[in-house]
Amino acid sequence: MVNFKLIATKLGEGLKNDSSINEINRIAKAVFNFDMTSHPQESITSSRSQLIYDWVMTVSEQRIDERTKLLLLDEFIRNLTTVDSPLRSLTRFSDVEESANFWSIVHPAIVSIARSKFEDGYFADAVESALKEVNGRVKVYVKAKIGQELDGAPLMNRAFSVDRPIIILDNLGTDTGRNIQIGYMQIFAGSMTGIRNPKAHANLTIEEARAIHFIFLASLLMHKLDEANVS
């Protein structure tokens, strides 16, 4: 299923400084054979972004198949952008379809906390929320066991400690099991130090593709917790 809301948001943001209201309406009326309907969004502060959002969402409501909708939007975008504009990739059917469908293999807890932010274009916030969800789940286990409220890398190092484990990922009586335990302890801790913390402490931006990679990482960590034994 195509995420037209995401297309509308990204296109509006990308063109808000490059097109006039008159030009947007002129191109839209030349491409589309239907009138625009209003879809007000409080989070959109630019009148041009809102206008583009309205047009894209109007297209999404038409009783035609999704590929035809994308073809119409592709013509609309091509007439508003330069040849080398990255916005033209928004209507490549395979790219749009992939972006919409990757959630089907993401851990449900990550989907519930991060998907809406991601689909609204807030990629960094989606990543931060996903990793906070991982951190929060581990924090509950550790606090229940030792009564301490740790956070981030110190939390992960305590939770997955080979010598005093609270969360056990493999047979610690074998070298392989100990290596798996240590390796994932480092991945959990590194995810907090290298990904979650920089986003939380600085105004960082993350591109869509990189955000997907980080979301898959958070999903993997959640699945590992599902498989673990908690002492």
C-alpha atoms as a PDB file:
ATOM      1  CA  MET A   1       0.000   0.000   0.000  1.00  0.00           C
ATOM      2  CA  VAL A   2       1.387   3.381  -1.037  1.00  0.00           C
ATOM      3  CA  ASN A   3       1.918   5.906   1.750  1.00  0.00           C
ATOM      4  CA  PHE A   4       0.483   9.021   0.091  1.00  0.00           C
ATOM      5  CA  LYS A   5       0.660  10.952   3.344  1.00  0.00           C
ATOM      6  CA  LEU A   6       4.435  10.549   3.374  1.00  0.00           C
ATOM      7  CA  ILE A   7       4.695  11.581  -0.284  1.00  0.00           C
ATOM      8  CA  ALA A   8       2.543  14.645   0.413  1.00  0.00           C
ATOM      9  CA  THR A   9       4.626  15.641   3.430  1.00  0.00           C
ATOM     10  CA  LYS A  10       8.005  15.207   1.751  1.00  0.00           C
ATOM     11  CA  LEU A  11       6.941  16.876  -1.490  1.00  0.00           C
ATOM     12  CA  GLY A  12       5.432  19.838   0.327  1.00  0.00           C
ATOM     13  CA  GLU A  13       8.547  20.277   2.435  1.00  0.00           C
ATOM     14  CA  GLY A  14      10.802  19.957  -0.588  1.00  0.00           C
ATOM     15  CA  LEU A  15       8.976  22.503  -2.736  1.00  0.00           C
ATOM     16  CA  LYS A  16       7.892  25.100  -0.194  1.00  0.00           C
ATOM     17  CA  ASN A  17      10.685  27.491  -1.204  1.00  0.00           C
ATOM     18  CA  ASP A  18      10.832  26.640  -4.911  1.00  0.00           C
ATOM     19  CA  SER A  19       7.282  27.093  -6.210  1.00  0.00           C
ATOM     20  CA  SER A  20       4.593  29.736  -5.986  1.00  0.00           C
ATOM     21  CA  ILE A  21       0.976  29.070  -5.086  1.00  0.00           C
ATOM     22  CA  ASN A  22      -0.075  30.159  -8.570  1.00  0.00           C
ATOM     23  CA  GLU A  23       2.377  27.781 -10.223  1.00  0.00           C
ATOM     24  CA  ILE A  24       1.327  24.843  -8.042  1.00  0.00           C
ATOM     25  CA  ASN A  25      -2.350  25.386  -8.837  1.00  0.00           C
ATOM     26  CA  ARG A  26      -1.671  25.985 -12.530  1.00  0.00           C
ATOM     27  CA  ILE A  27       0.252  22.713 -12.895  1.00  0.00           C
ATOM     28  CA  ALA A  28      -2.238  20.773 -10.778  1.00  0.00           C
ATOM     29  CA  LYS A  29      -5.219  21.906 -12.838  1.00  0.00           C
ATOM     30  CA  ALA A  30      -3.396  20.981 -16.035  1.00  0.00           C
ATOM     31  CA  VAL A  31      -2.565  17.469 -14.795  1.00  0.00           C
ATOM     32  CA  PHE A  32      -5.614  16.523 -12.715  1.00  0.00           C
ATOM     33  CA  ASN A  33      -9.225  16.451 -13.922  1.00  0.00           C
ATOM     34  CA  PHE A  34     -10.747  16.872 -10.457  1.00  0.00           C
ATOM     35  CA  ASP A  35     -11.027  19.636  -7.890  1.00  0.00           C
ATOM     36  CA  MET A  36      -8.823  19.845  -4.832  1.00  0.00           C
ATOM     37  CA  THR A  37     -10.190  19.030  -1.379  1.00  0.00           C
ATOM     38  CA  SER A  38      -8.785  20.469   1.833  1.00  0.00           C
ATOM     39  CA  HIS A  39      -6.740  18.369   4.282  1.00  0.00           C
ATOM     40  CA  PRO A  40      -5.547  20.865   6.927  1.00  0.00           C
ATOM     41  CA  GLN A  41      -2.538  19.869   9.016  1.00  0.00           C
ATOM     42  CA  GLU A  42      -1.594  21.902  12.088  1.00  0.00           C
ATOM     43  CA  SER A  43       2.028  20.812  11.756  1.00  0.00           C
ATOM     44  CA  ILE A  44       2.332  22.395   8.289  1.00  0.00           C
ATOM     45  CA  THR A  45       3.127  26.101   8.585  1.00  0.00           C
ATOM     46  CA  SER A  46       3.899  26.909   4.943  1.00  0.00           C
ATOM     47  CA  SER A  47       0.902  27.741   2.734  1.00  0.00           C
ATOM     48  CA  ARG A  48       2.686  26.247  -0.272  1.00  0.00           C
ATOM     49  CA  SER A  49       3.461  23.036   1.611  1.00  0.00           C
ATOM     50  CA  GLN A  50      -0.176  22.818   2.689  1.00  0.00           C
ATOM     51  CA  LEU A  51      -1.379  23.355  -0.885  1.00  0.00           C
ATOM     52  CA  ILE A  52       0.842  20.569  -2.204  1.00  0.00           C
ATOM     53  CA  TYR A  53      -0.270  18.335   0.657  1.00  0.00           C
ATOM     54  CA  ASP A  54      -3.908  19.012  -0.251  1.00  0.00           C
ATOM     55  CA  TRP A  55      -3.364  18.143  -3.902  1.00  0.00           C
ATOM     56  CA  VAL A  56      -1.486  14.913  -3.190  1.00  0.00           C
ATOM     57  CA  MET A  57      -4.062  13.745  -0.665  1.00  0.00           C
ATOM     58  CA  THR A  58      -6.838  14.616  -3.104  1.00  0.00           C
ATOM     59  CA  VAL A  59      -5.168  12.348  -5.665  1.00  0.00           C
ATOM     60  CA  SER A  60      -4.997   9.576  -3.061  1.00  0.00           C
ATOM     61  CA  GLU A  61      -8.790   9.718  -2.615  1.00  0.00           C
ATOM     62  CA  GLN A  62      -9.642   9.220  -6.282  1.00  0.00           C
ATOM     63  CA  ARG A  63     -11.321   5.975  -7.328  1.00  0.00           C
ATOM     64  CA  ILE A  64      -8.471   4.798  -9.530  1.00  0.00           C
ATOM     65  CA  ASP A  65      -5.739   2.212  -8.948  1.00  0.00           C
ATOM     66  CA  GLU A  66      -2.595   3.162  -7.061  1.00  0.00           C
ATOM     67  CA  ARG A  67      -0.276   2.909 -10.055  1.00  0.00           C
ATOM     68  CA  THR A  68      -2.420   5.427 -11.948  1.00  0.00           C
ATOM     69  CA  LYS A  69      -2.364   7.734  -8.933  1.00  0.00           C
ATOM     70  CA  LEU A  70       1.432   7.527  -8.887  1.00  0.00           C
ATOM     71  CA  LEU A  71       1.628   8.223 -12.612  1.00  0.00           C
ATOM     72  CA  LEU A  72      -0.494  11.344 -12.140  1.00  0.00           C
ATOM     73  CA  LEU A  73       1.654  12.487  -9.230  1.00  0.00           C
ATOM     74  CA  ASP A  74       4.788  11.766 -11.230  1.00  0.00           C
ATOM     75  CA  GLU A  75       3.607  14.122 -13.983  1.00  0.00           C
ATOM     76  CA  PHE A  76       2.694  16.739 -11.365  1.00  0.00           C
ATOM     77  CA  ILE A  77       6.116  16.503  -9.724  1.00  0.00           C
ATOM     78  CA  ARG A  78       8.059  16.515 -13.009  1.00  0.00           C
ATOM     79  CA  ASN A  79       6.396  19.781 -13.982  1.00  0.00           C
ATOM     80  CA  LEU A  80       7.325  21.386 -10.661  1.00  0.00           C
ATOM     81  CA  THR A  81      10.922  20.167 -10.341  1.00  0.00           C
ATOM     82  CA  THR A  82      14.217  20.194 -12.213  1.00  0.00           C
ATOM     83  CA  VAL A  83      15.529  17.105 -13.975  1.00  0.00           C
ATOM     84  CA  ASP A  84      18.001  16.292 -11.193  1.00  0.00           C
ATOM     85  CA  SER A  85      15.579  16.823  -8.298  1.00  0.00           C
ATOM     86  CA  PRO A  86      15.576  13.969  -5.745  1.00  0.00           C
ATOM     87  CA  LEU A  87      11.855  14.622  -5.259  1.00  0.00           C
ATOM     88  CA  ARG A  88      11.219  12.793  -8.526  1.00  0.00           C
ATOM     89  CA  SER A  89      12.043   9.508  -6.801  1.00  0.00           C
ATOM     90  CA  LEU A  90       8.970   9.868  -4.576  1.00  0.00           C
ATOM     91  CA  THR A  91       6.730   8.343  -7.227  1.00  0.00           C
ATOM     92  CA  ARG A  92       8.930   5.468  -8.333  1.00  0.00           C
ATOM     93  CA  PHE A  93       6.521   2.673  -7.602  1.00  0.00           C
ATOM     94  CA  SER A  94       9.109   0.181  -6.366  1.00  0.00           C
ATOM     95  CA  ASP A  95      10.649   2.719  -3.971  1.00  0.00           C
ATOM     96  CA  VAL A  96       7.287   3.818  -2.584  1.00  0.00           C
ATOM     97  CA  GLU A  97       6.102   0.241  -2.238  1.00  0.00           C
ATOM     98  CA  GLU A  98       9.299  -0.790  -0.438  1.00  0.00           C
ATOM     99  CA  SER A  99       9.046   2.129   1.981  1.00  0.00           C
ATOM    100  CA  ALA A 100       5.460   1.233   2.830  1.00  0.00           C
ATOM    101  CA  ASN A 101       6.029  -2.508   3.206  1.00  0.00           C
ATOM    102  CA  PHE A 102       9.199  -2.809   5.286  1.00  0.00           C
ATOM    103  CA  TRP A 103       7.134  -2.391   8.462  1.00  0.00           C
ATOM    104  CA  SER A 104       5.665  -5.866   7.950  1.00  0.00           C
ATOM    105  CA  ILE A 105       8.905  -7.441   9.210  1.00  0.00           C
ATOM    106  CA  VAL A 106       9.655  -4.946  11.993  1.00  0.00           C
ATOM    107  CA  HIS A 107       9.015  -5.956  15.623  1.00  0.00           C
ATOM    108  CA  PRO A 108       5.460  -4.909  16.640  1.00  0.00           C
ATOM    109  CA  ALA A 109       6.675  -2.835  19.600  1.00  0.00           C
ATOM    110  CA  ILE A 110       8.890  -0.793  17.284  1.00  0.00           C
ATOM    111  CA  VAL A 111       6.095  -0.394  14.735  1.00  0.00           C
ATOM    112  CA  SER A 112       3.727   0.974  17.371  1.00  0.00           C
ATOM    113  CA  ILE A 113       6.210   3.532  18.707  1.00  0.00           C
ATOM    114  CA  ALA A 114       8.030   4.640  15.546  1.00  0.00           C
ATOM    115  CA  ARG A 115       5.900   4.163  12.445  1.00  0.00           C
ATOM    116  CA  SER A 116       3.705   7.256  12.683  1.00  0.00           C
ATOM    117  CA  LYS A 117       6.729   9.503  13.245  1.00  0.00           C
ATOM    118  CA  PHE A 118       8.577   7.910  10.342  1.00  0.00           C
ATOM    119  CA  GLU A 119       5.607   8.247   7.994  1.00  0.00           C
ATOM    120  CA  ASP A 120       5.206  11.904   8.964  1.00  0.00           C
ATOM    121  CA  GLY A 121       8.805  12.446   7.851  1.00  0.00           C
ATOM    122  CA  TYR A 122      10.341  12.698  11.343  1.00  0.00           C
ATOM    123  CA  PHE A 123      13.002  10.075  10.696  1.00  0.00           C
ATOM    124  CA  ALA A 124      15.407  10.995  13.505  1.00  0.00           C
ATOM    125  CA  ASP A 125      12.577  11.081  16.043  1.00  0.00           C
ATOM    126  CA  ALA A 126      11.396   7.669  14.863  1.00  0.00           C
ATOM    127  CA  VAL A 127      14.869   6.217  15.391  1.00  0.00           C
ATOM    128  CA  GLU A 128      15.232   7.811  18.812  1.00  0.00           C
ATOM    129  CA  SER A 129      11.823   6.492  19.892  1.00  0.00           C
ATOM    130  CA  ALA A 130      12.649   2.988  18.654  1.00  0.00           C
ATOM    131  CA  LEU A 131      15.882   2.817  20.625  1.00  0.00           C
ATOM    132  CA  LYS A 132      14.252   4.353  23.700  1.00  0.00           C
ATOM    133  CA  GLU A 133      11.736   1.514  23.529  1.00  0.00           C
ATOM    134  CA  VAL A 134      14.579  -1.015  23.572  1.00  0.00           C
ATOM    135  CA  ASN A 135      16.256   0.826  26.447  1.00  0.00           C
ATOM    136  CA  GLY A 136      12.993   0.974  28.390  1.00  0.00           C
ATOM    137  CA  ARG A 137      12.350  -2.740  28.090  1.00  0.00           C
ATOM    138  CA  VAL A 138      15.832  -3.634  29.339  1.00  0.00           C
ATOM    139  CA  LYS A 139      15.497  -1.068  32.137  1.00  0.00           C
ATOM    140  CA  VAL A 140      12.353  -2.805  33.427  1.00  0.00           C
ATOM    141  CA  TYR A 141      14.149  -6.164  33.617  1.00  0.00           C
ATOM    142  CA  VAL A 142      17.182  -4.738  35.395  1.00  0.00           C
ATOM    143  CA  LYS A 143      15.232  -2.659  37.906  1.00  0.00           C
ATOM    144  CA  ALA A 144      13.061  -5.641  38.802  1.00  0.00           C
ATOM    145  CA  LYS A 145      16.172  -7.714  39.469  1.00  0.00           C
ATOM    146  CA  ILE A 146      18.520  -5.326  41.316  1.00  0.00           C
ATOM    147  CA  GLY A 147      16.350  -2.337  42.203  1.00  0.00           C
ATOM    148  CA  GLN A 148      18.580   0.108  40.326  1.00  0.00           C
ATOM    149  CA  GLU A 149      17.438   2.374  37.502  1.00  0.00           C
ATOM    150  CA  LEU A 150      20.341   2.394  35.063  1.00  0.00           C
ATOM    151  CA  ASP A 151      20.272   3.806  31.535  1.00  0.00           C
ATOM    152  CA  GLY A 152      22.038   3.554  28.191  1.00  0.00           C
ATOM    153  CA  ALA A 153      25.367   1.749  27.894  1.00  0.00           C
ATOM    154  CA  PRO A 154      25.790   1.161  31.672  1.00  0.00           C
ATOM    155  CA  LEU A 155      22.339  -0.437  31.673  1.00  0.00           C
ATOM    156  CA  MET A 156      23.229  -2.756  28.797  1.00  0.00           C
ATOM    157  CA  ASN A 157      26.602  -3.697  30.267  1.00  0.00           C
ATOM    158  CA  ARG A 158      24.923  -4.685  33.529  1.00  0.00           C
ATOM    159  CA  ALA A 159      22.003  -6.487  31.892  1.00  0.00           C
ATOM    160  CA  PHE A 160      24.139  -8.651  29.598  1.00  0.00           C
ATOM    161  CA  SER A 161      27.192  -9.077  31.843  1.00  0.00           C
ATOM    162  CA  VAL A 162      28.703 -12.519  31.277  1.00  0.00           C
ATOM    163  CA  ASP A 163      29.608 -12.911  34.937  1.00  0.00           C
ATOM    164  CA  ARG A 164      26.348 -11.568  36.444  1.00  0.00           C
ATOM    165  CA  PRO A 165      23.779 -11.697  33.640  1.00  0.00           C
ATOM    166  CA  ILE A 166      20.220 -10.551  34.080  1.00  0.00           C
ATOM    167  CA  ILE A 167      19.306 -11.178  30.451  1.00  0.00           C
ATOM    168  CA  ILE A 168      20.806 -14.384  29.029  1.00  0.00           C
ATOM    169  CA  LEU A 169      20.965 -14.785  25.254  1.00  0.00           C
ATOM    170  CA  ASP A 170      22.759 -18.143  24.931  1.00  0.00           C
ATOM    171  CA  ASN A 171      24.431 -20.977  26.813  1.00  0.00           C
ATOM    172  CA  LEU A 172      27.081 -19.214  28.866  1.00  0.00           C
ATOM    173  CA  GLY A 173      28.750 -22.511  29.647  1.00  0.00           C
ATOM    174  CA  THR A 174      30.251 -22.586  26.158  1.00  0.00           C
ATOM    175  CA  ASP A 175      32.739 -20.299  24.436  1.00  0.00           C
ATOM    176  CA  THR A 176      30.263 -19.701  21.612  1.00  0.00           C
ATOM    177  CA  GLY A 177      27.504 -18.754  24.021  1.00  0.00           C
ATOM    178  CA  ARG A 178      29.756 -16.375  25.922  1.00  0.00           C
ATOM    179  CA  ASN A 179      30.884 -14.764  22.676  1.00  0.00           C
ATOM    180  CA  ILE A 180      27.263 -14.259  21.616  1.00  0.00           C
ATOM    181  CA  GLN A 181      26.434 -12.746  25.005  1.00  0.00           C
ATOM    182  CA  ILE A 182      29.412 -10.366  24.875  1.00  0.00           C
ATOM    183  CA  GLY A 183      28.809  -9.461  21.242  1.00  0.00           C
ATOM    184  CA  TYR A 184      25.179  -8.528  21.764  1.00  0.00           C
ATOM    185  CA  MET A 185      26.022  -6.680  24.974  1.00  0.00           C
ATOM    186  CA  GLN A 186      28.322  -4.506  22.868  1.00  0.00           C
ATOM    187  CA  ILE A 187      25.682  -4.050  20.162  1.00  0.00           C
ATOM    188  CA  PHE A 188      23.022  -3.048  22.703  1.00  0.00           C
ATOM    189  CA  ALA A 189      25.418  -0.657  24.459  1.00  0.00           C
ATOM    190  CA  GLY A 190      26.800   0.757  21.216  1.00  0.00           C
ATOM    191  CA  SER A 191      23.310   1.436  19.896  1.00  0.00           C
ATOM    192  CA  MET A 192      22.641   3.643  22.908  1.00  0.00           C
ATOM    193  CA  THR A 193      25.999   5.437  22.862  1.00  0.00           C
ATOM    194  CA  GLY A 194      26.427   5.822  19.122  1.00  0.00           C
ATOM    195  CA  ILE A 195      22.865   6.228  17.832  1.00  0.00           C
ATOM    196  CA  ARG A 196      20.320   7.076  20.533  1.00  0.00           C
ATOM    197  CA  ASN A 197      22.400   9.490  22.621  1.00  0.00           C
ATOM    198  CA  PRO A 198      23.693  11.722  19.785  1.00  0.00           C
ATOM    199  CA  LYS A 199      20.126  12.153  18.506  1.00  0.00           C
ATOM    200  CA  ALA A 200      18.801  12.919  21.986  1.00  0.00           C
ATOM    201  CA  HIS A 201      21.518  15.470  22.777  1.00  0.00           C
ATOM    202  CA  ALA A 202      21.907  17.248  19.431  1.00  0.00           C
ATOM    203  CA  ASN A 203      19.653  18.473  16.645  1.00  0.00           C
ATOM    204  CA  LEU A 204      20.655  15.776  14.159  1.00  0.00           C
ATOM    205  CA  THR A 205      18.908  14.875  10.923  1.00  0.00           C
ATOM    206  CA  ILE A 206      18.792  11.372   9.454  1.00  0.00           C
ATOM    207  CA  GLU A 207      17.979  10.446   5.863  1.00  0.00           C
ATOM    208  CA  GLU A 208      15.099   8.057   5.236  1.00  0.00           C
ATOM    209  CA  ALA A 209      17.233   5.089   4.144  1.00  0.00           C
ATOM    210  CA  ARG A 210      19.553   5.383   7.146  1.00  0.00           C
ATOM    211  CA  ALA A 211      16.538   5.656   9.459  1.00  0.00           C
ATOM    212  CA  ILE A 212      15.214   2.373   8.057  1.00  0.00           C
ATOM    213  CA  HIS A 213      18.561   0.722   8.847  1.00  0.00           C
ATOM    214  CA  PHE A 214      18.444   1.977  12.432  1.00  0.00           C
ATOM    215  CA  ILE A 215      14.819   0.889  12.837  1.00  0.00           C
ATOM    216  CA  PHE A 216      15.754  -2.604  11.680  1.00  0.00           C
ATOM    217  CA  LEU A 217      18.533  -2.589  14.281  1.00  0.00           C
ATOM    218  CA  ALA A 218      16.073  -1.681  17.036  1.00  0.00           C
ATOM    219  CA  SER A 219      13.746  -4.393  15.740  1.00  0.00           C
ATOM    220  CA  LEU A 220      16.540  -6.978  15.878  1.00  0.00           C
ATOM    221  CA  LEU A 221      17.332  -6.038  19.468  1.00  0.00           C
ATOM    222  CA  MET A 222      13.674  -6.388  20.429  1.00  0.00           C
ATOM    223  CA  HIS A 223      13.530  -9.833  18.833  1.00  0.00           C
ATOM    224  CA  LYS A 224      16.656 -10.859  20.757  1.00  0.00           C
ATOM    225  CA  LEU A 225      14.921  -9.807  23.966  1.00  0.00           C
ATOM    226  CA  ASP A 226      11.919 -11.932  22.983  1.00  0.00           C
ATOM    227  CA  GLU A 227      14.226 -14.949  22.658  1.00  0.00           C
ATOM    228  CA  ALA A 228      16.191 -14.289  25.859  1.00  0.00           C
ATOM    229  CA  ASN A 229      15.939 -15.798  29.309  1.00  0.00           C
ATOM    230  CA  VAL A 230      15.545 -13.229  32.079  1.00  0.00           C
ATOM    231  CA  SER A 231      16.980 -14.297  35.424  1.00  0.00           C
END
